[in-house]
Protein backbone atom coordinates (compact mmCIF):
# COMPACT_ATOMS: atom_id res chain seq x y z
CA MET A 1 142.91 70.56 76.51
CA ILE A 2 144.37 70.25 80.01
CA SER A 3 147.15 67.91 78.85
CA ALA A 4 148.03 70.30 76.02
CA LEU A 5 148.26 73.16 78.52
CA GLN A 6 150.47 71.05 80.79
CA ARG A 7 152.80 70.26 77.88
CA LEU A 8 153.02 73.98 77.04
CA VAL A 9 153.89 74.94 80.63
CA LYS A 10 156.60 72.26 80.77
CA HIS A 11 158.08 73.30 77.42
CA GLU A 12 161.45 75.07 77.64
CA ALA A 13 160.12 77.99 75.58
CA PHE A 14 157.21 78.72 77.97
CA GLY A 15 159.24 81.09 80.17
CA GLY A 16 160.15 83.20 77.16
CA ILE A 17 156.57 83.16 75.86
CA LEU A 18 155.27 84.31 79.25
CA LEU A 19 157.82 87.13 79.30
CA MET A 20 156.72 88.21 75.83
CA PHE A 21 153.06 88.33 76.88
CA ALA A 22 153.96 90.32 80.02
CA ALA A 23 155.91 92.84 77.94
CA VAL A 24 153.12 93.18 75.35
CA ALA A 25 150.52 93.60 78.10
CA ALA A 26 152.61 96.36 79.69
CA MET A 27 152.94 98.19 76.36
CA VAL A 28 149.21 97.91 75.61
CA ILE A 29 148.21 99.23 79.05
CA ALA A 30 150.84 102.01 78.97
CA ASN A 31 149.29 103.27 75.73
CA SER A 32 145.65 102.93 76.73
CA ASP A 33 143.18 104.77 78.95
CA PHE A 34 144.48 102.66 81.85
CA ARG A 35 147.95 104.24 81.72
CA ALA A 36 147.25 106.49 84.73
CA VAL A 37 146.06 103.50 86.76
CA TYR A 38 149.13 101.45 85.70
CA GLU A 39 151.57 104.22 86.64
CA GLY A 40 149.64 105.06 89.79
CA ILE A 41 149.80 101.49 91.09
CA LEU A 42 153.53 101.21 90.33
CA GLY A 43 154.13 104.57 92.00
CA SER A 44 152.09 103.83 95.12
CA TYR A 45 154.16 103.68 98.30
CA LEU A 46 154.34 100.61 100.51
CA SER A 47 155.93 100.57 103.95
CA VAL A 48 157.39 97.80 106.06
CA THR A 49 158.31 99.18 109.47
CA PHE A 50 159.06 97.88 112.96
CA ASP A 51 158.78 100.38 115.80
CA GLY A 52 158.98 103.24 113.33
CA GLU A 53 162.05 101.93 111.53
CA GLY A 54 162.00 100.21 108.17
CA LEU A 55 161.52 100.84 104.47
CA THR A 56 159.09 102.99 102.52
CA LYS A 57 159.31 102.61 98.74
CA PRO A 58 157.08 102.82 95.67
CA LEU A 59 155.87 99.47 94.37
CA ILE A 60 158.15 99.64 91.33
CA LEU A 61 161.21 99.74 93.63
CA TRP A 62 159.89 96.88 95.78
CA ILE A 63 159.76 94.90 92.55
CA ASN A 64 163.17 96.03 91.27
CA ASP A 65 164.99 95.87 94.60
CA GLY A 66 163.04 93.12 96.35
CA LEU A 67 161.69 90.61 93.84
CA MET A 68 164.79 90.97 91.67
CA ALA A 69 166.93 90.10 94.68
CA ILE A 70 165.16 86.72 94.63
CA PHE A 71 165.89 86.49 90.89
CA PHE A 72 169.58 87.13 91.56
CA PHE A 73 169.45 84.68 94.46
CA LEU A 74 168.40 81.99 92.00
CA ILE A 75 171.15 83.06 89.59
CA GLY A 76 173.63 82.74 92.46
CA LEU A 77 172.41 79.22 93.24
CA GLU A 78 172.75 78.27 89.55
CA LEU A 79 176.25 79.77 89.36
CA LYS A 80 177.35 77.88 92.46
CA ARG A 81 176.03 74.59 91.06
CA GLU A 82 177.73 75.16 87.70
CA LEU A 83 181.05 76.06 89.37
CA LEU A 84 181.04 73.08 91.72
CA ASP A 85 179.34 70.42 89.66
CA GLY A 86 178.45 71.68 86.20
CA LYS A 87 179.49 73.41 83.01
CA LEU A 88 181.92 75.80 84.72
CA LYS A 89 183.75 73.10 86.68
CA ASN A 90 186.23 72.23 83.92
CA PRO A 91 188.17 75.35 82.85
CA ARG A 92 188.71 73.95 79.34
CA ASP A 93 184.95 73.86 78.73
CA VAL A 94 184.69 77.55 79.66
CA VAL A 95 187.30 78.93 77.24
CA LEU A 96 185.11 79.36 74.14
CA PRO A 97 181.85 80.57 75.77
CA GLY A 98 183.94 82.59 78.25
CA VAL A 99 185.75 84.53 75.54
CA ALA A 100 182.46 84.90 73.64
CA ALA A 101 180.79 86.30 76.78
CA ILE A 102 183.59 88.84 77.27
CA GLY A 103 183.25 89.98 73.66
CA GLY A 104 179.48 90.10 74.05
CA MET A 105 179.81 92.47 77.01
CA VAL A 106 182.66 94.71 75.85
CA VAL A 107 181.70 95.43 72.23
CA PRO A 108 178.06 96.46 72.94
CA ALA A 109 179.27 98.76 75.73
CA VAL A 110 181.82 100.33 73.37
CA ILE A 111 179.18 100.89 70.67
CA PHE A 112 176.83 102.51 73.18
CA ALA A 113 179.61 104.70 74.58
CA ALA A 114 180.67 105.79 71.08
CA LEU A 115 177.13 106.93 70.25
CA ASN A 116 176.62 108.69 73.59
CA TRP A 117 180.10 110.09 74.13
CA GLY A 118 180.07 113.62 75.49
CA ASN A 119 176.50 113.39 76.78
CA PRO A 120 176.64 113.14 80.59
CA ALA A 121 172.88 112.57 80.76
CA THR A 122 173.02 109.24 78.90
CA ILE A 123 176.60 107.90 79.00
CA GLY A 124 175.83 106.16 82.32
CA GLY A 125 173.75 103.59 80.47
CA TRP A 126 176.79 102.00 78.80
CA ALA A 127 176.19 98.64 80.52
CA ILE A 128 172.56 98.26 79.36
CA PRO A 129 173.29 96.43 76.06
CA ALA A 130 175.97 94.24 77.68
CA ALA A 131 173.35 91.93 79.23
CA THR A 132 171.71 88.74 77.93
CA ASP A 133 168.31 87.40 79.00
CA ILE A 134 168.75 83.66 79.67
CA ALA A 135 165.03 82.80 79.69
CA PHE A 136 164.26 84.57 76.42
CA ALA A 137 167.38 83.38 74.58
CA LEU A 138 166.92 79.74 75.62
CA GLY A 139 163.20 80.03 74.89
CA VAL A 140 163.87 81.01 71.27
CA LEU A 141 166.44 78.22 70.95
CA ALA A 142 163.94 75.73 72.39
CA LEU A 143 161.42 76.62 69.66
CA LEU A 144 163.78 74.92 67.18
CA GLY A 145 163.71 71.68 69.18
CA ASP A 146 165.93 68.90 67.85
CA ARG A 147 166.76 70.87 64.70
CA VAL A 148 169.82 72.34 66.43
CA PRO A 149 172.65 70.36 68.10
CA SER A 150 172.25 69.99 71.87
CA SER A 151 175.80 71.33 72.23
CA LEU A 152 174.50 74.76 71.19
CA LYS A 153 172.20 74.91 74.22
CA VAL A 154 175.19 74.18 76.49
CA PHE A 155 177.23 76.85 74.68
CA LEU A 156 174.47 79.47 74.96
CA LEU A 157 173.67 78.58 78.58
CA THR A 158 177.32 78.83 79.63
CA LEU A 159 177.72 82.11 77.74
CA ALA A 160 174.58 83.54 79.37
CA ILE A 161 175.62 82.39 82.86
CA LEU A 162 179.01 84.08 82.47
CA ASP A 163 177.23 87.13 81.08
CA ASP A 164 175.08 87.24 84.23
CA LEU A 165 178.20 86.97 86.36
CA GLY A 166 179.64 89.93 84.47
CA ALA A 167 176.39 91.88 85.00
CA ILE A 168 176.58 91.18 88.75
CA LEU A 169 180.14 92.53 88.87
CA ILE A 170 179.14 95.61 86.84
CA ILE A 171 176.28 96.36 89.24
CA ALA A 172 178.59 95.93 92.23
CA LEU A 173 181.33 98.17 90.83
CA PHE A 174 179.43 100.89 88.98
CA TYR A 175 175.92 101.17 90.43
CA THR A 176 176.59 102.02 94.05
CA ALA A 177 175.49 105.52 95.11
CA ASN A 178 175.55 107.40 98.42
CA LEU A 179 177.53 104.69 100.19
CA GLN A 180 176.82 104.48 103.93
CA VAL A 181 179.65 102.46 105.41
CA GLU A 182 177.99 101.91 108.81
CA TYR A 183 175.28 99.75 107.26
CA LEU A 184 177.92 97.69 105.44
CA LEU A 185 179.61 97.13 108.80
CA TYR A 186 176.29 96.01 110.29
CA ALA A 187 175.90 93.67 107.30
CA LEU A 188 179.02 91.79 108.41
CA ILE A 189 176.96 90.29 111.27
CA PRO A 190 174.43 88.33 109.14
CA LEU A 191 177.24 87.63 106.66
CA ALA A 192 179.26 85.97 109.42
CA GLY A 193 176.23 83.90 110.39
CA LEU A 194 175.83 82.72 106.79
CA ILE A 195 179.50 81.77 106.61
CA VAL A 196 179.19 79.70 109.80
CA LEU A 197 176.06 77.90 108.55
CA ASN A 198 177.76 77.16 105.25
CA ALA A 199 180.91 75.87 106.94
CA ARG A 200 178.84 73.56 109.14
CA GLY A 201 176.86 72.24 106.20
CA ALA A 202 173.56 73.14 107.83
CA HIS A 203 170.66 71.12 106.41
CA SER A 204 167.88 73.58 107.21
CA VAL A 205 167.84 76.63 104.95
CA GLY A 206 165.42 78.61 107.15
CA PRO A 207 168.10 80.32 109.31
CA ALA A 208 170.18 81.13 106.22
CA LEU A 209 167.18 82.67 104.43
CA PHE A 210 166.37 84.79 107.51
CA LEU A 211 169.97 86.04 107.66
CA GLY A 212 169.78 86.67 103.90
CA VAL A 213 166.74 88.94 104.36
CA VAL A 214 168.57 90.87 107.10
CA LEU A 215 171.62 91.13 104.83
CA TRP A 216 169.39 92.39 101.98
CA PHE A 217 167.92 95.13 104.23
CA LEU A 218 171.32 96.32 105.46
CA VAL A 219 172.90 96.26 102.01
CA LEU A 220 169.94 98.19 100.60
CA ARG A 221 170.33 100.86 103.29
CA SER A 222 174.07 101.05 102.62
CA GLY A 223 173.60 102.28 99.04
CA VAL A 224 175.04 99.14 97.43
CA HIS A 225 172.39 97.58 95.21
CA ALA A 226 170.51 95.04 97.29
CA THR A 227 170.29 92.38 94.58
CA LEU A 228 173.94 91.62 95.38
CA ALA A 229 172.81 90.40 98.80
CA GLY A 230 170.80 87.75 96.96
CA VAL A 231 173.90 86.51 95.13
CA VAL A 232 176.04 86.49 98.29
CA THR A 233 173.37 84.61 100.25
CA ALA A 234 173.05 82.05 97.45
CA PHE A 235 176.78 81.34 97.45
CA LEU A 236 176.64 80.74 101.21
CA ILE A 237 173.77 78.23 101.11
CA PRO A 238 175.47 74.85 101.80
CA TYR A 239 175.93 72.80 98.64
CA LYS A 240 176.34 69.62 100.70
CA ASP A 241 175.12 68.99 104.24
CA LYS A 242 176.47 66.44 106.70
CA TRP A 243 174.21 63.75 105.19
CA GLY A 244 175.50 64.37 101.68
CA LYS A 245 172.30 66.07 100.51
CA SER A 246 172.31 69.44 98.73
CA PRO A 247 170.22 72.20 100.37
CA ALA A 248 171.34 74.59 97.61
CA ARG A 249 170.11 72.36 94.78
CA SER A 250 166.84 71.62 96.58
CA LEU A 251 166.25 75.34 97.08
CA GLU A 252 167.14 76.07 93.45
CA HIS A 253 164.63 73.46 92.28
CA ALA A 254 161.94 74.82 94.58
CA LEU A 255 162.42 78.43 93.47
CA HIS A 256 162.94 77.93 89.74
CA ASP A 257 159.32 77.91 88.56
CA TYR A 258 158.25 80.73 90.90
CA VAL A 259 161.06 82.97 89.61
CA LEU A 260 160.69 82.04 85.94
CA TYR A 261 156.89 82.06 85.77
CA LEU A 262 156.00 84.71 88.37
CA ILE A 263 158.78 87.05 89.48
CA VAL A 264 160.40 87.70 86.09
CA PRO A 265 157.05 88.27 84.29
CA ILE A 266 156.00 90.68 87.08
CA PHE A 267 159.27 92.57 86.58
CA ALA A 268 158.69 92.65 82.82
CA PHE A 269 155.12 93.88 83.26
CA ALA A 270 156.29 96.64 85.61
CA ASN A 271 159.23 97.79 83.49
CA ALA A 272 158.37 97.21 79.82
CA GLY A 273 155.59 99.77 79.46
CA VAL A 274 156.92 101.91 76.61
CA VAL A 275 154.77 105.01 76.11
CA LEU A 276 154.54 105.50 72.33
CA ALA A 277 152.73 108.86 72.42
CA GLY A 278 154.88 111.55 70.81
CA MET A 279 157.38 109.03 69.47
CA SER A 280 158.47 108.69 65.87
CA PHE A 281 161.08 106.78 63.92
CA GLN A 282 163.46 109.62 64.79
CA THR A 283 163.12 108.68 68.47
CA LEU A 284 164.70 105.32 67.75
CA LEU A 285 167.65 107.19 66.23
CA ASP A 286 168.27 109.20 69.40
CA PRO A 287 171.70 108.28 70.85
CA LEU A 288 170.26 106.54 73.94
CA SER A 289 167.75 104.29 72.13
CA LEU A 290 170.05 103.73 69.16
CA GLY A 291 173.05 102.98 71.39
CA ILE A 292 171.12 100.26 73.22
CA ALA A 293 169.55 98.74 70.09
CA ALA A 294 172.82 98.86 68.11
CA GLY A 295 174.72 97.42 71.06
CA LEU A 296 172.32 94.50 71.38
CA VAL A 297 172.05 93.79 67.65
CA LEU A 298 175.47 94.67 66.22
CA GLY A 299 177.59 94.62 69.37
CA LYS A 300 176.57 91.12 70.42
CA GLN A 301 177.05 89.78 66.90
CA ILE A 302 180.50 91.32 66.55
CA GLY A 303 181.60 90.50 70.08
CA VAL A 304 180.28 86.94 70.41
CA PHE A 305 180.76 85.76 66.82
CA GLY A 306 184.00 87.68 66.24
CA LEU A 307 185.82 86.43 69.32
CA THR A 308 184.49 82.88 68.86
CA TRP A 309 185.86 82.88 65.29
CA LEU A 310 189.21 84.27 66.48
CA VAL A 311 189.64 81.69 69.26
CA VAL A 312 188.75 78.80 66.94
CA MET A 313 191.02 80.08 64.15
CA LEU A 314 193.91 80.36 66.64
CA GLY A 315 193.37 76.74 67.61
CA CYS A 316 192.58 77.54 71.26
CA ALA A 317 189.16 75.87 71.13
CA ARG A 318 186.82 73.97 68.82
CA LEU A 319 183.26 74.65 67.74
CA PRO A 320 180.56 72.91 69.80
CA TYR A 321 179.98 69.36 68.54
CA GLY A 322 177.73 69.28 65.47
CA ALA A 323 177.63 73.08 65.10
CA ASN A 324 178.55 75.15 62.06
CA TRP A 325 179.37 78.84 61.72
CA LEU A 326 175.78 79.80 60.87
CA HIS A 327 174.74 78.18 64.15
CA ILE A 328 177.32 80.27 66.00
CA TYR A 329 176.08 83.41 64.26
CA GLY A 330 172.54 82.53 65.38
CA ILE A 331 173.71 82.11 68.98
CA ALA A 332 175.51 85.48 68.76
CA CYS A 333 172.21 87.05 67.68
CA LEU A 334 170.26 85.37 70.50
CA ALA A 335 172.80 86.78 72.96
CA GLY A 336 171.46 90.19 71.87
CA ILE A 337 168.13 89.51 73.58
CA GLY A 338 168.79 91.71 76.60
CA PHE A 339 165.27 92.25 77.95
CA THR A 340 165.11 91.47 81.71
CA MET A 341 168.74 92.20 82.58
CA SER A 342 168.97 95.20 80.22
CA LEU A 343 165.76 96.73 81.60
CA PHE A 344 167.04 96.12 85.12
CA ILE A 345 170.38 97.84 84.49
CA GLY A 346 168.46 100.62 82.73
CA SER A 347 166.37 101.16 85.86
CA LEU A 348 169.60 101.53 87.83
CA SER A 349 171.02 103.96 85.28
CA PHE A 350 168.18 106.44 84.87
CA ALA A 351 165.55 107.91 87.18
CA ASP A 352 164.13 110.28 84.53
CA PRO A 353 160.91 108.70 83.12
CA ALA A 354 161.60 110.17 79.66
CA LEU A 355 165.06 108.61 79.50
CA MET A 356 163.74 105.33 80.87
CA ASN A 357 161.11 105.30 78.14
CA GLN A 358 163.91 105.55 75.55
CA VAL A 359 165.70 102.72 77.34
CA ARG A 360 162.60 100.54 77.01
CA LEU A 361 162.31 101.38 73.32
CA GLY A 362 165.96 100.52 72.67
CA VAL A 363 165.86 97.29 74.69
CA LEU A 364 162.60 96.01 73.17
CA SER A 365 163.52 96.87 69.58
CA GLY A 366 167.06 95.51 69.89
CA SER A 367 165.88 92.33 71.60
CA LEU A 368 163.13 91.75 69.03
CA ILE A 369 165.51 92.16 66.07
CA SER A 370 168.11 89.95 67.73
CA GLY A 371 165.58 87.22 68.45
CA LEU A 372 164.25 87.17 64.88
CA LEU A 373 167.76 87.17 63.37
CA GLY A 374 168.89 84.43 65.76
CA PHE A 375 165.91 82.20 65.04
CA GLY A 376 166.32 82.68 61.28
CA ALA A 377 170.06 81.98 61.31
CA LEU A 378 169.69 78.85 63.44
CA TRP A 379 166.86 77.56 61.26
CA LEU A 380 168.91 78.10 58.09
CA GLY A 381 172.02 76.67 59.71
CA SER A 382 170.19 73.51 60.73
CA ARG A 383 168.55 73.20 57.30
CA ASN A 384 171.89 73.51 55.51
CA HIS A 385 173.48 71.12 58.00
CA ASP A 386 170.74 68.53 57.38
CA ARG A 387 171.26 68.81 53.62
CA ALA A 388 175.01 68.41 53.99
CA SER A 389 174.46 65.30 56.10
CA VAL A 390 172.35 63.57 53.43
CA PRO A 391 174.55 61.25 51.33
CA ALA A 392 174.56 61.78 47.58
CA GLN A 393 172.25 59.46 45.66
């Protein structure tokens, strides 16, 4: 029993399974007699002050601004590793997933904007369906095991990493409100300290993490979304110290399980509580919910699969080794699992609980459909590929 549990926890799909359970638990509680308790806890205010100065926020914002900064810190560490010593190091290896990622961000945003055009209350959510949830998408792919070529995992991972980079840029450019320049100027002080530590190849990450927390506080007070401080700090953690060791990779390894198995599920539990009371099928057809769901399901398929097909047909790149077009279609569908990133961008887009409830409905329905379509397409693609590989008797 214990060994079986250990194998489950170590399985690549476990992170996605845990996210699914967190989301289901949130939905069950949000539609039960415990809804008031659930919302009351998330709305309770917590303060961290020193000599009367500090932060006072509801728990939901501590999760979305604080814990998610750690999530983005890990993404930053992963991006740095991939750029310096991984899948993004060779530009030729980035062409196909890079173009696919661009299509997978642009087309969903266009579909959402088309369905919400002229509605100032909802048009601000255009970036919600542009995101891809790495943990969920890779988790579904991992359920197929050796049935799919290993090159598909590399393709999906690279696509999702570039998608996250695009999401970071979108947050930086379009989700900054009430900018207070003086705090950004103060933020230059810890930023300079991080640059010096990085240039020196400091082995100890303690001082850098302290400066990162200070940077997070100042960026949060400036009006720029504080999760960006996590990314900046990650990029300034030394990749190699003077002894040739990698503080950045050690920190990434140490944080990975805590983020994947604790922080992200907590975020999902706090943000996935769709209240179904008063909803009908017509609610799903409202422009906000429909725009998100259609963007994730249709937009990702058209953007990822369409641009991949175009680039291959033009001879600019080749399909991943061992993959067929049904495999690529399956990956395009899996890219439509937005979940964590889509819910996060939704929380930045809307403060109105009613609109946020529609966001949750659109994200969960679109992600569920995308996951089922992706799994089915990959299973069929692998089955057909296996049959084609069997020599005629």
